[in-house]
Amino acid sequence: MNPSEQIDQLIAGLTDWRAEMLAGIRKTILAADPDIVEEWKWMGSPVWCLDGNIVVGNAHKDKVKLTFSHGASLPDPDKLFNNGFGGKVWRAIDILEGDKLDERALKDLVRAAIDYNQAKKKKKAPAVTRAKAQK
């Protein structure tokens, strides 16, 4: 079973509001960039990636949690983050039953995470040495 099928199965197994919420979040995340890849990591977590992890989505007993891998480094002008402020790297959005999630703001946050991953990747790219450049 591929990661997308595993995420389908996870959503289908939820029997309450969390199924619709996670399905809607998934659709919004995937709409943010056509190159986003779905992965299945850490023994059962949907993860959306592009040049690194963007966000992990989990359905907990009373909430749906979105954890942004580098959320502390991302702009959040719409104040979506509501958890994880004690950490230096990640930030999370806890969505409770009845909450409405701003799709445009979530797309903006996903795009900011992609930009962060791509900038980080460029910094890690090995510099071309002068000798190689002259060949």
Protein backbone atom coordinates (compact mmCIF):
# COMPACT_ATOMS: atom_id res chain seq x y z
CA MET A 1 0.00 0.00 0.00
CA ASN A 2 1.43 3.39 -0.95
CA PRO A 3 1.38 6.42 1.41
CA SER A 4 -1.64 8.05 -0.26
CA GLU A 5 -3.62 4.83 0.16
CA GLN A 6 -2.57 4.63 3.81
CA ILE A 7 -3.80 8.19 4.36
CA ASP A 8 -7.08 7.29 2.60
CA GLN A 9 -7.42 4.32 4.95
CA LEU A 10 -6.69 6.45 8.03
CA ILE A 11 -9.36 8.99 7.05
CA ALA A 12 -11.88 6.25 6.22
CA GLY A 13 -11.30 4.72 9.67
CA LEU A 14 -12.26 7.92 11.48
CA THR A 15 -15.95 7.87 12.33
CA ASP A 16 -16.50 11.44 13.47
CA TRP A 17 -15.78 15.08 12.54
CA ARG A 18 -12.04 14.39 12.39
CA ALA A 19 -12.43 12.45 9.10
CA GLU A 20 -13.95 15.41 7.26
CA MET A 21 -11.48 17.82 8.86
CA LEU A 22 -8.40 15.76 7.97
CA ALA A 23 -9.69 15.16 4.43
CA GLY A 24 -10.24 18.90 3.95
CA ILE A 25 -6.83 19.75 5.36
CA ARG A 26 -5.22 17.21 3.06
CA LYS A 27 -6.96 18.73 0.04
CA THR A 28 -5.84 22.23 1.04
CA ILE A 29 -2.23 21.16 1.61
CA LEU A 30 -2.04 19.36 -1.74
CA ALA A 31 -3.59 22.39 -3.50
CA ALA A 32 -0.80 24.63 -2.18
CA ASP A 33 1.77 23.16 -4.59
CA PRO A 34 1.48 20.43 -7.23
CA ASP A 35 4.87 18.96 -6.27
CA ILE A 36 3.93 18.10 -2.68
CA VAL A 37 4.41 14.41 -1.95
CA GLU A 38 2.45 12.39 0.58
CA GLU A 39 4.47 10.13 2.85
CA TRP A 40 3.64 7.78 5.72
CA LYS A 41 6.15 8.01 8.56
CA TRP A 42 6.67 7.29 12.21
CA MET A 43 4.44 4.23 12.37
CA GLY A 44 1.27 5.84 11.13
CA SER A 45 1.50 9.57 10.49
CA PRO A 46 0.60 11.31 7.24
CA VAL A 47 3.41 13.66 6.26
CA TRP A 48 3.39 16.12 3.39
CA CYS A 49 6.81 16.86 1.93
CA LEU A 50 8.59 18.99 -0.64
CA ASP A 51 12.35 19.36 -0.32
CA GLY A 52 11.90 18.08 3.24
CA ASN A 53 9.04 17.64 5.66
CA ILE A 54 6.40 20.37 5.56
CA VAL A 55 3.70 19.23 7.96
CA VAL A 56 2.60 16.13 9.85
CA GLY A 57 -1.12 15.52 10.34
CA ASN A 58 -2.50 13.43 13.18
CA ALA A 59 -6.02 12.68 14.36
CA HIS A 60 -5.99 12.55 18.14
CA LYS A 61 -8.87 11.61 20.42
CA ASP A 62 -10.28 15.14 20.64
CA LYS A 63 -8.47 17.09 17.90
CA VAL A 64 -6.66 17.10 14.60
CA LYS A 65 -3.08 18.30 15.00
CA LEU A 66 -0.92 19.76 12.25
CA THR A 67 2.73 19.98 13.20
CA PHE A 68 4.97 22.09 11.01
CA SER A 69 8.53 20.79 11.09
CA HIS A 70 10.11 24.27 11.02
CA GLY A 71 7.13 26.27 12.20
CA ALA A 72 9.15 28.49 14.52
CA SER A 73 10.94 29.87 11.44
CA LEU A 74 7.78 30.54 9.44
CA PRO A 75 5.77 33.75 9.20
CA ASP A 76 2.28 33.27 10.63
CA PRO A 77 0.46 36.56 10.02
CA ASP A 78 -2.94 34.87 10.34
CA LYS A 79 -2.03 33.39 13.74
CA LEU A 80 -2.84 29.79 12.84
CA PHE A 81 -0.27 28.34 15.23
CA ASN A 82 -1.77 27.73 18.65
CA ASN A 83 0.60 25.15 20.14
CA GLY A 84 4.30 24.37 20.42
CA PHE A 85 5.48 27.83 21.35
CA GLY A 86 7.87 26.41 23.96
CA GLY A 87 10.00 24.71 21.31
CA LYS A 88 12.67 26.24 19.14
CA VAL A 89 11.81 24.45 15.89
CA TRP A 90 8.28 23.12 15.42
CA ARG A 91 4.89 24.77 15.81
CA ALA A 92 1.46 23.18 15.70
CA ILE A 93 -2.15 23.93 14.94
CA ASP A 94 -4.63 22.08 17.15
CA ILE A 95 -8.07 21.94 15.56
CA LEU A 96 -10.98 21.06 17.82
CA GLU A 97 -14.49 19.99 16.91
CA GLY A 98 -16.41 22.97 15.55
CA ASP A 99 -13.28 24.95 14.64
CA LYS A 100 -13.07 26.45 11.17
CA LEU A 101 -9.68 26.50 9.49
CA ASP A 102 -8.85 29.34 7.11
CA GLU A 103 -7.88 27.50 3.91
CA ARG A 104 -6.12 30.49 2.36
CA ALA A 105 -4.04 31.02 5.50
CA LEU A 106 -3.16 27.30 5.63
CA LYS A 107 -2.05 27.36 1.98
CA ASP A 108 0.08 30.43 2.71
CA LEU A 109 1.67 28.65 5.67
CA VAL A 110 2.36 25.53 3.58
CA ARG A 111 3.94 27.68 0.86
CA ALA A 112 6.08 29.43 3.48
CA ALA A 113 7.25 26.02 4.72
CA ILE A 114 8.16 25.00 1.17
CA ASP A 115 10.10 28.25 0.71
CA TYR A 116 11.90 27.57 3.99
CA ASN A 117 12.82 24.02 2.91
CA GLN A 118 14.07 25.21 -0.47
CA ALA A 119 16.16 28.00 1.05
CA LYS A 120 17.64 25.55 3.55
CA LYS A 121 18.41 23.12 0.74
CA LYS A 122 20.21 25.83 -1.26
CA LYS A 123 22.37 26.70 1.75
CA LYS A 124 23.43 23.06 2.06
CA ALA A 125 24.30 22.72 -1.64
CA PRO A 126 28.04 22.26 -2.01
CA ALA A 127 29.82 25.28 -3.42
CA VAL A 128 31.60 24.75 -6.72
CA THR A 129 35.33 25.04 -6.16
CA ARG A 130 37.34 27.42 -8.34
CA ALA A 131 39.27 24.50 -9.86
CA LYS A 132 36.04 22.70 -10.89
CA ALA A 133 34.59 25.93 -12.26
CA GLN A 134 37.63 26.46 -14.50
CA LYS A 135 37.40 23.01 -16.12
